[in-house]
Amino acid sequence: MEWEAVYAFGSQCGVDRMDAILAASQICDEYGIDNMTAGVTVGFAMECFERGLIGLEDTGGIDLRFGSHEALIAALTQVAAQDEFGRWLAKGTRSLSNEIAGSAGFAMQAKGLEFGGYECRGLNGQALQFAISARGGCRHAYGLPARTEVGDGSRLTVEGKGEQVKAAATGRILCDSLILCTFPAHAVYDREMMAEALSGVFSKPWTLAKLEEVGERVMCQERLFNAREGLTREDDSLPDRLLIEPKPDGPTSGAVVPLEALKDDFYRVMGYDLETGNPTLALMERLSIEP
């Protein structure tokens, strides 16, 4: 069982039965449903139900409460069958939060994509990565700063997070571009090895600076794509739960995400405009990207 499925159907929904989590994952596998999106969406609907924002008339009679493995399986079965409640639930967390008054603050998504299994309050780098990622709350696209900041003790700092997230993002982009598994990165191979491999393939030297530029260029082009579609700094956002509700427990109890300061640090490091969050003409010229 893959970790994100355990998180999405387990702790995210308050379900502690592994047989139910396995059954939920099997439903998603058989019907081609993303298990992280499904689990986070069901968990969001459970909170809406418990807060009285939706009722039995909305859920098709499912008593959609945290911890109910029966409710989890019933909801996913309806999604797969595209029954009335299932079709509605299949819209995903952001679309549902736009329809359910008072729910946007606890809709765990960025740019319409549900988060992977990382609590961002007390992980400033991971929070920043979720917010600025070109495709939203993906835990893969721009790396996992959480793995670095927990180890080096920097998770509550703001200064330096831009560099940390940039390094994680360019590293992940290089692994994906070279079709390398990201899990053994650093332990099995590093950027020097990547440069050596590319030098052999292309019969010309690839420097570490050249590799870094490739990662930057990909990030810049993704950012420009989003800018063309109308996205700006305001879209690099997180739900209010992470910004204004202090973390209730754990070693970083009381923490919230200082998002605007983190974004400023990241934009400066990347050479993006602080007001819009988008690449500047000077950056595009340096990266040989036509405006």
Protein backbone atom coordinates (compact mmCIF):
# COMPACT_ATOMS: atom_id res chain seq x y z
CA MET A 1 0.00 0.00 0.00
CA GLU A 2 1.47 3.33 -1.08
CA TRP A 3 1.88 6.00 1.59
CA GLU A 4 -0.26 8.70 -0.01
CA ALA A 5 -3.22 6.30 -0.24
CA VAL A 6 -2.86 5.46 3.45
CA TYR A 7 -2.81 9.16 4.27
CA ALA A 8 -5.69 10.09 1.98
CA PHE A 9 -8.11 7.34 3.00
CA GLY A 10 -6.73 6.85 6.50
CA SER A 11 -5.75 9.83 8.63
CA GLN A 12 -7.34 12.36 6.26
CA CYS A 13 -10.73 10.68 6.78
CA GLY A 14 -10.13 9.47 10.34
CA VAL A 15 -10.34 5.84 9.20
CA ASP A 16 -8.08 3.42 11.08
CA ARG A 17 -9.04 0.15 9.37
CA MET A 18 -6.45 -1.02 6.86
CA ASP A 19 -8.93 -3.32 5.12
CA ALA A 20 -11.14 -0.31 4.37
CA ILE A 21 -8.15 1.72 3.15
CA LEU A 22 -7.16 -1.16 0.87
CA ALA A 23 -10.72 -1.42 -0.44
CA ALA A 24 -10.84 2.33 -1.10
CA SER A 25 -7.56 2.19 -2.99
CA GLN A 26 -8.79 -0.79 -5.02
CA ILE A 27 -11.94 1.08 -6.06
CA CYS A 28 -9.80 3.96 -7.28
CA ASP A 29 -7.38 1.65 -9.10
CA GLU A 30 -10.18 -0.21 -10.88
CA TYR A 31 -11.98 2.96 -11.99
CA GLY A 32 -8.97 5.13 -12.79
CA ILE A 33 -9.53 7.58 -9.92
CA ASP A 34 -6.66 9.45 -8.27
CA ASN A 35 -6.56 8.25 -4.67
CA MET A 36 -5.10 11.44 -3.16
CA THR A 37 -7.73 13.65 -4.80
CA ALA A 38 -10.45 11.19 -3.82
CA GLY A 39 -9.37 10.86 -0.19
CA VAL A 40 -8.87 14.58 0.41
CA THR A 41 -12.21 15.36 -1.25
CA VAL A 42 -14.06 12.80 0.87
CA GLY A 43 -12.34 14.14 4.00
CA PHE A 44 -13.37 17.67 3.04
CA ALA A 45 -16.98 16.53 2.51
CA MET A 46 -16.87 14.79 5.89
CA GLU A 47 -15.93 18.05 7.59
CA CYS A 48 -18.66 19.89 5.71
CA PHE A 49 -21.14 17.24 6.91
CA GLU A 50 -20.01 17.44 10.53
CA ARG A 51 -20.20 21.25 10.44
CA GLY A 52 -23.76 21.09 9.11
CA LEU A 53 -22.86 22.71 5.79
CA ILE A 54 -24.26 19.70 3.92
CA GLY A 55 -26.76 17.07 5.07
CA LEU A 56 -28.17 13.64 4.33
CA GLU A 57 -30.20 15.11 1.48
CA ASP A 58 -26.91 16.09 -0.20
CA THR A 59 -25.04 12.84 0.47
CA GLY A 60 -27.76 10.53 -0.76
CA GLY A 61 -28.39 9.31 2.79
CA ILE A 62 -24.73 8.54 3.63
CA ASP A 63 -23.88 9.46 7.23
CA LEU A 64 -20.62 11.04 6.12
CA ARG A 65 -18.67 11.35 9.37
CA PHE A 66 -14.96 11.16 10.17
CA GLY A 67 -13.86 7.69 11.12
CA SER A 68 -16.66 5.90 9.29
CA HIS A 69 -15.11 3.37 6.96
CA GLU A 70 -18.60 2.48 5.73
CA ALA A 71 -19.19 6.10 4.68
CA LEU A 72 -15.79 6.25 2.94
CA ILE A 73 -16.49 3.16 0.84
CA ALA A 74 -20.07 4.21 0.12
CA ALA A 75 -18.94 7.64 -1.09
CA LEU A 76 -16.22 6.24 -3.35
CA THR A 77 -18.60 3.63 -4.72
CA GLN A 78 -20.97 6.43 -5.71
CA VAL A 79 -18.13 8.35 -7.36
CA ALA A 80 -17.21 5.27 -9.38
CA ALA A 81 -20.83 4.60 -10.33
CA GLN A 82 -21.46 8.30 -11.02
CA ASP A 83 -24.60 8.28 -8.92
CA GLU A 84 -26.04 11.69 -8.07
CA PHE A 85 -23.91 12.29 -4.96
CA GLY A 86 -20.94 10.65 -6.67
CA ARG A 87 -21.08 13.01 -9.64
CA TRP A 88 -21.19 15.96 -7.27
CA LEU A 89 -18.31 14.67 -5.14
CA ALA A 90 -16.25 13.98 -8.27
CA LYS A 91 -15.97 17.73 -8.88
CA GLY A 92 -13.12 17.81 -6.38
CA THR A 93 -12.33 19.92 -3.35
CA ARG A 94 -12.01 23.39 -4.91
CA SER A 95 -15.18 23.18 -6.98
CA LEU A 96 -17.14 21.88 -4.01
CA SER A 97 -15.77 24.63 -1.76
CA ASN A 98 -16.95 27.20 -4.28
CA GLU A 99 -20.47 25.80 -3.94
CA ILE A 100 -20.55 25.24 -0.17
CA ALA A 101 -20.67 28.55 1.68
CA GLY A 102 -18.18 28.79 4.54
CA SER A 103 -15.99 25.87 3.47
CA ALA A 104 -13.14 27.44 1.48
CA GLY A 105 -10.95 27.97 4.54
CA PHE A 106 -10.55 24.23 5.18
CA ALA A 107 -10.48 23.04 1.55
CA MET A 108 -7.03 21.47 1.39
CA GLN A 109 -5.98 22.42 -2.13
CA ALA A 110 -3.89 24.89 -4.10
CA LYS A 111 -4.75 25.89 -7.66
CA GLY A 112 -7.42 23.19 -7.61
CA LEU A 113 -5.14 20.27 -6.77
CA GLU A 114 -5.48 18.54 -3.41
CA PHE A 115 -2.42 18.34 -1.13
CA GLY A 116 -0.23 15.34 -0.59
CA GLY A 117 0.20 14.08 2.95
CA TYR A 118 2.21 16.88 4.55
CA GLU A 119 1.03 19.26 7.29
CA CYS A 120 2.42 22.64 6.21
CA ARG A 121 2.14 24.51 9.50
CA GLY A 122 5.66 24.11 10.80
CA LEU A 123 7.08 23.18 7.39
CA ASN A 124 7.56 26.55 5.71
CA GLY A 125 9.44 25.17 2.72
CA GLN A 126 6.77 22.57 1.99
CA ALA A 127 4.06 25.20 2.41
CA LEU A 128 5.84 27.46 -0.08
CA GLN A 129 6.27 24.58 -2.53
CA PHE A 130 2.56 23.77 -2.45
CA ALA A 131 1.66 27.43 -2.97
CA ILE A 132 4.01 28.24 -5.87
CA SER A 133 3.90 24.93 -7.72
CA ALA A 134 2.72 25.47 -11.28
CA ARG A 135 0.07 22.77 -10.99
CA GLY A 136 -0.97 23.39 -7.42
CA GLY A 137 -0.82 21.16 -4.34
CA CYS A 138 1.35 18.45 -5.90
CA ARG A 139 3.94 16.90 -3.58
CA HIS A 140 5.98 15.68 -6.55
CA ALA A 141 6.30 18.45 -9.11
CA TYR A 142 8.79 20.69 -7.27
CA GLY A 143 10.35 18.25 -4.86
CA LEU A 144 9.82 17.74 -1.14
CA PRO A 145 11.47 20.52 0.88
CA ALA A 146 9.99 18.87 3.97
CA ARG A 147 12.63 16.16 3.76
CA THR A 148 15.39 18.76 3.97
CA GLU A 149 13.98 21.22 6.50
CA VAL A 150 13.06 18.59 9.10
CA GLY A 151 16.62 17.30 9.02
CA ASP A 152 18.44 20.64 9.13
CA GLY A 153 16.14 22.28 11.68
CA SER A 154 15.10 25.14 9.39
CA ARG A 155 11.41 24.37 9.09
CA LEU A 156 10.17 27.47 10.91
CA THR A 157 12.54 29.95 9.23
CA VAL A 158 11.61 32.29 6.38
CA GLU A 159 14.98 33.53 5.16
CA GLY A 160 16.57 31.01 2.82
CA LYS A 161 13.33 29.19 1.98
CA GLY A 162 13.37 30.57 -1.55
CA GLU A 163 16.76 28.98 -2.19
CA GLN A 164 15.67 25.75 -0.50
CA VAL A 165 12.53 25.43 -2.60
CA LYS A 166 14.36 26.39 -5.79
CA ALA A 167 16.98 23.69 -5.14
CA ALA A 168 14.31 21.07 -4.46
CA ALA A 169 12.33 22.10 -7.53
CA THR A 170 15.23 22.15 -9.99
CA GLY A 171 16.45 18.83 -8.63
CA ARG A 172 13.06 17.22 -9.15
CA ILE A 173 12.74 18.72 -12.64
CA LEU A 174 16.14 17.33 -13.62
CA CYS A 175 15.24 13.86 -12.31
CA ASP A 176 11.95 13.90 -14.22
CA SER A 177 13.61 15.20 -17.39
CA LEU A 178 16.26 12.47 -17.25
CA ILE A 179 13.65 9.87 -16.24
CA LEU A 180 15.34 9.07 -12.93
CA CYS A 181 13.57 7.81 -9.83
CA THR A 182 13.58 10.61 -7.28
CA PHE A 183 13.62 8.46 -4.15
CA PRO A 184 17.29 7.42 -4.25
CA ALA A 185 18.49 10.88 -5.33
CA HIS A 186 21.59 12.03 -3.38
CA ALA A 187 22.10 8.51 -2.01
CA VAL A 188 22.64 6.87 -5.42
CA TYR A 189 23.32 9.77 -7.79
CA ASP A 190 23.88 13.50 -7.60
CA ARG A 191 24.02 16.40 -10.05
CA GLU A 192 27.67 15.73 -10.84
CA MET A 193 26.66 12.27 -12.05
CA MET A 194 23.79 13.78 -14.07
CA ALA A 195 26.20 16.19 -15.73
CA GLU A 196 28.64 13.39 -16.49
CA ALA A 197 25.89 11.24 -18.04
CA LEU A 198 24.61 14.09 -20.22
CA SER A 199 28.14 14.93 -21.30
CA GLY A 200 28.53 11.37 -22.54
CA VAL A 201 25.18 11.35 -24.35
CA PHE A 202 25.72 14.66 -26.14
CA SER A 203 29.48 14.34 -26.61
CA LYS A 204 30.02 17.79 -25.13
CA PRO A 205 30.56 18.94 -21.56
CA TRP A 206 27.57 19.68 -19.33
CA THR A 207 28.37 21.78 -16.27
CA LEU A 208 26.47 22.00 -13.02
CA ALA A 209 25.59 25.59 -13.93
CA LYS A 210 24.07 24.35 -17.20
CA LEU A 211 21.96 21.80 -15.32
CA GLU A 212 20.76 24.50 -12.93
CA GLU A 213 19.79 26.68 -15.88
CA VAL A 214 17.70 23.84 -17.36
CA GLY A 215 15.71 23.56 -14.14
CA GLU A 216 15.21 27.32 -13.97
CA ARG A 217 14.08 27.46 -17.59
CA VAL A 218 11.46 24.76 -17.07
CA MET A 219 10.13 26.56 -14.00
CA CYS A 220 10.07 29.85 -15.87
CA GLN A 221 8.22 28.38 -18.86
CA GLU A 222 5.64 26.76 -16.58
CA ARG A 223 5.19 30.09 -14.84
CA LEU A 224 4.74 31.86 -18.17
CA PHE A 225 2.12 29.31 -19.23
CA ASN A 226 0.14 30.03 -16.07
CA ALA A 227 0.59 33.78 -16.53
CA ARG A 228 -0.85 33.49 -20.03
CA GLU A 229 -3.89 31.83 -18.46
CA GLY A 230 -4.30 34.73 -16.06
CA LEU A 231 -2.60 33.45 -12.89
CA THR A 232 -0.70 35.94 -10.72
CA ARG A 233 0.82 36.20 -7.26
CA GLU A 234 -2.67 35.95 -5.74
CA ASP A 235 -3.01 32.41 -7.09
CA ASP A 236 0.05 31.27 -5.14
CA SER A 237 -2.22 30.70 -2.18
CA LEU A 238 -3.06 28.30 0.61
CA PRO A 239 -6.33 27.77 2.52
CA ASP A 240 -6.96 29.91 5.59
CA ARG A 241 -6.61 26.90 7.89
CA LEU A 242 -2.88 26.94 7.23
CA LEU A 243 -2.55 30.73 7.35
CA ILE A 244 -4.60 31.80 10.36
CA GLU A 245 -5.47 28.71 12.42
CA PRO A 246 -2.52 27.80 14.69
CA LYS A 247 -1.39 24.20 14.52
CA PRO A 248 -3.11 22.53 17.47
CA ASP A 249 -0.43 20.06 18.57
CA GLY A 250 2.92 18.47 17.86
CA PRO A 251 6.47 19.89 18.01
CA THR A 252 5.43 22.97 16.01
CA SER A 253 2.23 23.61 17.95
CA GLY A 254 0.95 27.16 17.42
CA ALA A 255 2.58 27.62 14.02
CA VAL A 256 0.90 29.17 10.99
CA VAL A 257 2.34 29.68 7.51
CA PRO A 258 3.88 33.16 6.91
CA LEU A 259 3.06 32.82 3.23
CA GLU A 260 3.52 36.35 1.90
CA ALA A 261 7.02 36.65 3.34
CA LEU A 262 7.90 33.21 1.96
CA LYS A 263 6.65 34.17 -1.49
CA ASP A 264 8.71 37.37 -1.47
CA ASP A 265 11.84 35.38 -0.64
CA PHE A 266 11.12 32.88 -3.43
CA TYR A 267 10.33 35.48 -6.09
CA ARG A 268 13.55 37.35 -5.32
CA VAL A 269 15.61 34.18 -5.64
CA MET A 270 13.94 33.23 -8.91
CA GLY A 271 14.11 36.72 -10.43
CA TYR A 272 10.33 37.07 -10.62
CA ASP A 273 8.46 40.33 -10.28
CA LEU A 274 7.47 40.82 -6.63
CA GLU A 275 4.12 42.40 -7.48
CA THR A 276 2.89 39.83 -10.00
CA GLY A 277 5.00 36.82 -9.10
CA ASN A 278 5.78 36.31 -12.78
CA PRO A 279 9.12 36.17 -14.65
CA THR A 280 10.72 39.45 -15.64
CA LEU A 281 11.96 40.28 -19.13
CA ALA A 282 15.51 40.28 -17.80
CA LEU A 283 15.11 36.70 -16.55
CA MET A 284 13.62 35.54 -19.84
CA GLU A 285 16.50 37.11 -21.72
CA ARG A 286 19.04 35.38 -19.48
CA LEU A 287 17.33 32.02 -20.04
CA SER A 288 16.96 32.60 -23.81
CA ILE A 289 13.15 32.53 -23.63
CA GLU A 290 11.36 34.68 -26.15
CA PRO A 291 8.82 37.03 -24.48
